[in-house]
Structures are given as structure tokens and as C-alpha cells.
C-alpha atoms as a PDB file:
ATOM      1  CA  UNK A   1     -15.001  -2.291  -5.271  1.00  0.00           C
ATOM      2  CA  UNK A   2     -17.003   0.351  -3.640  1.00  0.00           C
ATOM      3  CA  UNK A   3     -14.881   3.236  -2.370  1.00  0.00           C
ATOM      4  CA  UNK A   4     -14.290   3.498   1.343  1.00  0.00           C
ATOM      5  CA  UNK A   5     -15.081   6.939   2.699  1.00  0.00           C
ATOM      6  CA  UNK A   6     -12.166   9.180   3.149  1.00  0.00           C
ATOM      7  CA  UNK A   7     -11.180   9.870   6.736  1.00  0.00           C
ATOM      8  CA  UNK A   8     -13.035  12.624   8.468  1.00  0.00           C
ATOM      9  CA  UNK A   9     -11.066  15.773   8.590  1.00  0.00           C
ATOM     10  CA  UNK A  10      -7.654  16.283   7.142  1.00  0.00           C
ATOM     11  CA  UNK A  11      -5.243  13.276   7.145  1.00  0.00           C
ATOM     12  CA  UNK A  12      -2.831  15.103   9.485  1.00  0.00           C
ATOM     13  CA  UNK A  13      -5.460  16.170  12.052  1.00  0.00           C
ATOM     14  CA  UNK A  14      -5.209  15.076  15.762  1.00  0.00           C
ATOM     15  CA  UNK A  15      -2.140  12.980  15.283  1.00  0.00           C
ATOM     16  CA  UNK A  16      -4.281  10.597  13.079  1.00  0.00           C
ATOM     17  CA  UNK A  17      -1.553  10.742  10.501  1.00  0.00           C
ATOM     18  CA  UNK A  18       0.850   9.162  12.949  1.00  0.00           C
ATOM     19  CA  UNK A  19      -1.466   6.255  13.525  1.00  0.00           C
ATOM     20  CA  UNK A  20      -2.185   5.784   9.869  1.00  0.00           C
ATOM     21  CA  UNK A  21       1.505   5.979   9.068  1.00  0.00           C
ATOM     22  CA  UNK A  22       2.203   3.314  11.715  1.00  0.00           C
ATOM     23  CA  UNK A  23      -0.665   1.245  10.330  1.00  0.00           C
ATOM     24  CA  UNK A  24       0.717   1.457   6.853  1.00  0.00           C
ATOM     25  CA  UNK A  25       4.123   0.317   8.080  1.00  0.00           C
ATOM     26  CA  UNK A  26       2.614  -2.633   9.832  1.00  0.00           C
ATOM     27  CA  UNK A  27       0.527  -3.455   6.606  1.00  0.00           C
ATOM     28  CA  UNK A  28       3.713  -3.378   4.592  1.00  0.00           C
ATOM     29  CA  UNK A  29       5.509  -5.719   7.032  1.00  0.00           C
ATOM     30  CA  UNK A  30       2.449  -8.122   6.778  1.00  0.00           C
ATOM     31  CA  UNK A  31       2.320  -7.937   2.921  1.00  0.00           C
ATOM     32  CA  UNK A  32       5.963  -8.308   2.655  1.00  0.00           C
ATOM     33  CA  UNK A  33       6.019 -11.451   4.788  1.00  0.00           C
ATOM     34  CA  UNK A  34       3.109 -12.914   2.952  1.00  0.00           C
ATOM     35  CA  UNK A  35       4.720 -12.229  -0.521  1.00  0.00           C
ATOM     36  CA  UNK A  36       8.083 -13.636   0.489  1.00  0.00           C
ATOM     37  CA  UNK A  37       6.457 -16.836   2.032  1.00  0.00           C
ATOM     38  CA  UNK A  38       3.971 -17.220  -0.863  1.00  0.00           C
ATOM     39  CA  UNK A  39       1.050 -16.957   1.541  1.00  0.00           C
ATOM     40  CA  UNK A  40      -2.281 -15.026   1.672  1.00  0.00           C
ATOM     41  CA  UNK A  41      -1.732 -11.833   3.622  1.00  0.00           C
ATOM     42  CA  UNK A  42      -4.782 -12.514   5.796  1.00  0.00           C
ATOM     43  CA  UNK A  43      -3.359 -15.820   6.924  1.00  0.00           C
ATOM     44  CA  UNK A  44      -0.191 -14.038   8.043  1.00  0.00           C
ATOM     45  CA  UNK A  45      -2.338 -11.457   9.751  1.00  0.00           C
ATOM     46  CA  UNK A  46      -4.064 -14.213  11.697  1.00  0.00           C
ATOM     47  CA  UNK A  47      -0.775 -15.662  12.737  1.00  0.00           C
ATOM     48  CA  UNK A  48       0.394 -12.264  14.016  1.00  0.00           C
ATOM     49  CA  UNK A  49      -2.815 -11.974  16.069  1.00  0.00           C
ATOM     50  CA  UNK A  50      -2.357 -15.539  17.356  1.00  0.00           C
ATOM     51  CA  UNK A  51       1.223 -14.643  18.315  1.00  0.00           C
ATOM     52  CA  UNK A  52      -0.136 -11.655  20.253  1.00  0.00           C
ATOM     53  CA  UNK A  53       1.545  -9.028  17.958  1.00  0.00           C
ATOM     54  CA  UNK A  54      -0.467  -5.834  17.777  1.00  0.00           C
ATOM     55  CA  UNK A  55      -2.022  -4.991  14.474  1.00  0.00           C
ATOM     56  CA  UNK A  56      -3.855  -1.616  14.229  1.00  0.00           C
ATOM     57  CA  UNK A  57      -7.388  -1.799  12.551  1.00  0.00           C
ATOM     58  CA  UNK A  58      -6.415   0.333   9.619  1.00  0.00           C
ATOM     59  CA  UNK A  59      -3.533  -2.131   8.988  1.00  0.00           C
ATOM     60  CA  UNK A  60      -6.052  -4.981   9.016  1.00  0.00           C
ATOM     61  CA  UNK A  61      -8.277  -3.070   6.573  1.00  0.00           C
ATOM     62  CA  UNK A  62      -5.307  -2.390   4.184  1.00  0.00           C
ATOM     63  CA  UNK A  63      -4.158  -5.865   4.259  1.00  0.00           C
ATOM     64  CA  UNK A  64      -7.666  -7.389   3.528  1.00  0.00           C
ATOM     65  CA  UNK A  65      -8.228  -4.723   0.908  1.00  0.00           C
ATOM     66  CA  UNK A  66      -4.885  -5.453  -0.966  1.00  0.00           C
ATOM     67  CA  UNK A  67      -5.653  -9.194  -0.776  1.00  0.00           C
ATOM     68  CA  UNK A  68      -9.267  -8.863  -2.056  1.00  0.00           C
ATOM     69  CA  UNK A  69      -8.295  -6.410  -4.860  1.00  0.00           C
ATOM     70  CA  UNK A  70      -4.860  -8.114  -5.834  1.00  0.00           C
ATOM     71  CA  UNK A  71      -5.796  -8.969  -9.349  1.00  0.00           C
ATOM     72  CA  UNK A  72      -7.143  -5.500 -10.101  1.00  0.00           C
ATOM     73  CA  UNK A  73      -4.119  -3.876  -8.345  1.00  0.00           C
ATOM     74  CA  UNK A  74      -1.545  -5.926 -10.151  1.00  0.00           C
ATOM     75  CA  UNK A  75      -3.172  -5.362 -13.612  1.00  0.00           C
ATOM     76  CA  UNK A  76      -3.055  -1.584 -12.833  1.00  0.00           C
ATOM     77  CA  UNK A  77       0.594  -1.750 -11.762  1.00  0.00           C
ATOM     78  CA  UNK A  78       1.505  -3.845 -14.885  1.00  0.00           C
ATOM     79  CA  UNK A  79      -0.207  -1.128 -17.072  1.00  0.00           C
ATOM     80  CA  UNK A  80       1.694   1.750 -15.496  1.00  0.00           C
ATOM     81  CA  UNK A  81       5.162   0.442 -14.392  1.00  0.00           C
ATOM     82  CA  UNK A  82       6.736   0.924 -17.776  1.00  0.00           C
ATOM     83  CA  UNK A  83       9.128  -1.987 -18.531  1.00  0.00           C
ATOM     84  CA  UNK A  84       8.678  -3.494 -14.943  1.00  0.00           C
ATOM     85  CA  UNK A  85       6.443  -6.590 -14.744  1.00  0.00           C
ATOM     86  CA  UNK A  86       5.067  -6.857 -11.240  1.00  0.00           C
ATOM     87  CA  UNK A  87       6.830 -10.162 -10.614  1.00  0.00           C
ATOM     88  CA  UNK A  88      10.212  -8.473 -11.370  1.00  0.00           C
ATOM     89  CA  UNK A  89       9.802  -5.478  -8.981  1.00  0.00           C
ATOM     90  CA  UNK A  90      11.604  -5.585  -5.684  1.00  0.00           C
ATOM     91  CA  UNK A  91       9.364  -7.193  -3.094  1.00  0.00           C
ATOM     92  CA  UNK A  92       9.237  -4.132  -0.785  1.00  0.00           C
ATOM     93  CA  UNK A  93       8.472  -1.781  -3.756  1.00  0.00           C
ATOM     94  CA  UNK A  94       5.728  -4.109  -5.110  1.00  0.00           C
ATOM     95  CA  UNK A  95       3.977  -4.090  -1.870  1.00  0.00           C
ATOM     96  CA  UNK A  96       4.313  -0.399  -1.220  1.00  0.00           C
ATOM     97  CA  UNK A  97       2.742   0.119  -4.568  1.00  0.00           C
ATOM     98  CA  UNK A  98       0.057  -2.440  -3.909  1.00  0.00           C
ATOM     99  CA  UNK A  99      -0.919  -0.695  -0.700  1.00  0.00           C
ATOM    100  CA  UNK A 100      -0.844   2.735  -2.386  1.00  0.00           C
ATOM    101  CA  UNK A 101      -3.135   1.573  -5.305  1.00  0.00           C
ATOM    102  CA  UNK A 102      -5.620   0.227  -2.773  1.00  0.00           C
ATOM    103  CA  UNK A 103      -5.660   3.444  -0.927  1.00  0.00           C
ATOM    104  CA  UNK A 104      -6.227   5.358  -4.159  1.00  0.00           C
ATOM    105  CA  UNK A 105      -9.058   3.082  -5.067  1.00  0.00           C
ATOM    106  CA  UNK A 106     -10.482   3.703  -1.568  1.00  0.00           C
ATOM    107  CA  UNK A 107     -10.560   7.419  -1.988  1.00  0.00           C
ATOM    108  CA  UNK A 108      -7.594   8.565   0.034  1.00  0.00           C
ATOM    109  CA  UNK A 109      -6.247  11.848  -1.564  1.00  0.00           C
ATOM    110  CA  UNK A 110      -3.567  11.297  -4.273  1.00  0.00           C
ATOM    111  CA  UNK A 111      -1.079  13.574  -2.550  1.00  0.00           C
ATOM    112  CA  UNK A 112      -1.428  11.727   0.826  1.00  0.00           C
ATOM    113  CA  UNK A 113      -0.994   8.349  -0.922  1.00  0.00           C
ATOM    114  CA  UNK A 114       2.052   9.357  -3.064  1.00  0.00           C
ATOM    115  CA  UNK A 115       3.782  11.064  -0.090  1.00  0.00           C
ATOM    116  CA  UNK A 116       3.220   8.099   2.323  1.00  0.00           C
ATOM    117  CA  UNK A 117       4.269   5.555  -0.310  1.00  0.00           C
ATOM    118  CA  UNK A 118       7.469   7.543  -1.073  1.00  0.00           C
ATOM    119  CA  UNK A 119       8.242   7.956   2.575  1.00  0.00           C
ATOM    120  CA  UNK A 120       7.834   4.198   2.964  1.00  0.00           C
ATOM    121  CA  UNK A 121      10.275   3.565   0.108  1.00  0.00           C
ATOM    122  CA  UNK A 122      12.717   5.843   1.684  1.00  0.00           C
ATOM    123  CA  UNK A 123      12.488   4.200   4.927  1.00  0.00           C
ATOM    124  CA  UNK A 124      12.400   0.635   3.709  1.00  0.00           C
ATOM    125  CA  UNK A 125      14.039   0.478   0.254  1.00  0.00           C
ATOM    126  CA  UNK A 126      16.389   2.636  -1.762  1.00  0.00           C
ATOM    127  CA  UNK A 127      16.314   6.273  -3.026  1.00  0.00           C
ATOM    128  CA  UNK A 128      15.815   5.034  -6.591  1.00  0.00           C
ATOM    129  CA  UNK A 129      12.779   3.056  -5.226  1.00  0.00           C
ATOM    130  CA  UNK A 130      11.190   6.378  -4.046  1.00  0.00           C
ATOM    131  CA  UNK A 131      11.604   7.846  -7.490  1.00  0.00           C
ATOM    132  CA  UNK A 132      10.171   4.642  -9.104  1.00  0.00           C
ATOM    133  CA  UNK A 133       7.113   4.527  -6.822  1.00  0.00           C
ATOM    134  CA  UNK A 134       6.498   8.224  -7.341  1.00  0.00           C
ATOM    135  CA  UNK A 135       6.715   7.807 -11.153  1.00  0.00           C
ATOM    136  CA  UNK A 136       4.314   4.680 -11.242  1.00  0.00           C
ATOM    137  CA  UNK A 137       1.823   6.443  -8.861  1.00  0.00           C
ATOM    138  CA  UNK A 138       1.954   9.576 -10.788  1.00  0.00           C
ATOM    139  CA  UNK A 139       1.046   7.776 -13.986  1.00  0.00           C
ATOM    140  CA  UNK A 140      -1.880   6.081 -12.293  1.00  0.00           C
ATOM    141  CA  UNK A 141      -3.015   9.278 -10.644  1.00  0.00           C
ATOM    142  CA  UNK A 142      -2.878  11.186 -14.063  1.00  0.00           C
ATOM    143  CA  UNK A 143      -4.923   8.403 -15.701  1.00  0.00           C
ATOM    144  CA  UNK A 144      -7.605   8.584 -12.820  1.00  0.00           C
ATOM    145  CA  UNK A 145      -7.866  12.439 -13.520  1.00  0.00           C
ATOM    146  CA  UNK A 146      -8.751  11.942 -17.210  1.00  0.00           C
END
């Protein structure tokens, strides 16, 4: 996968972080629905569009990217989620991690990815999930630095 250029300017400039945060949340909703239903995320995305549900462009990019890189992302998660096979992770946590791994591969700064993923976990899952996600992403980030 060729890395996507990082967003122009700082992530938090011009309220762009709010749009991206909202897009990440929509992407998680789509990925979660697809995972629970056993469907392709892009199929669920198309159903949302047909139903007139708004999907931000960045959410579309994230969903398509996670789908296209699913094998690589799940292998990365398996290698770094000590004692947690991907299929045994909570569905929400698994999809937050998938989205975060895609963003890391796309060149989004590690600190932004980890912070956003932990925030999503706190909003959508449990406090323990935030720590779990932070740990897995930390291991992935450390490996990427070496």
C-alpha cells in the first residue's frame, strides 16, 4: 500500500480535527455494522448512501482502506495483541484497532492515531478497552520506529 499523504497543516487546525473525529466515528459505525453482519464494509457504505445517510469523504476513505488492507491489518494485530486473537477481540475494539492501523499505515502521526483510538474506545467501549488499544498500538508504533 502506498502511504496517503498526511493532512496539510496540523491535525487540529481550522476545526479539521472535529471533522476527522466525526468521520472516524462514522467509519467505526460502518465497520462495526459490517463486522456484525459478516458483510463487506463497502457494501454497508453503499447501503448507507442509498438510504440517504450522510457519510463524510474521510469516513469513506477509511472504510475502503480498512477493507482493502484487512489481511495485512489483521496480521499486524495478531502479532501485537499478546494473547488476543483478532476474532476473540470485542467487535468495537477490533474495528477501532483496524481503523487505527490503517491510519498508521497511511502516515497519520502516531500520537494522533493513538489518542483518537483511545478516545473512541472510551466513548464506545470500556475503560479497559482504552488501555488495551493503547497497549496494542504502542507495540505497533514501537516496532515501526525500529
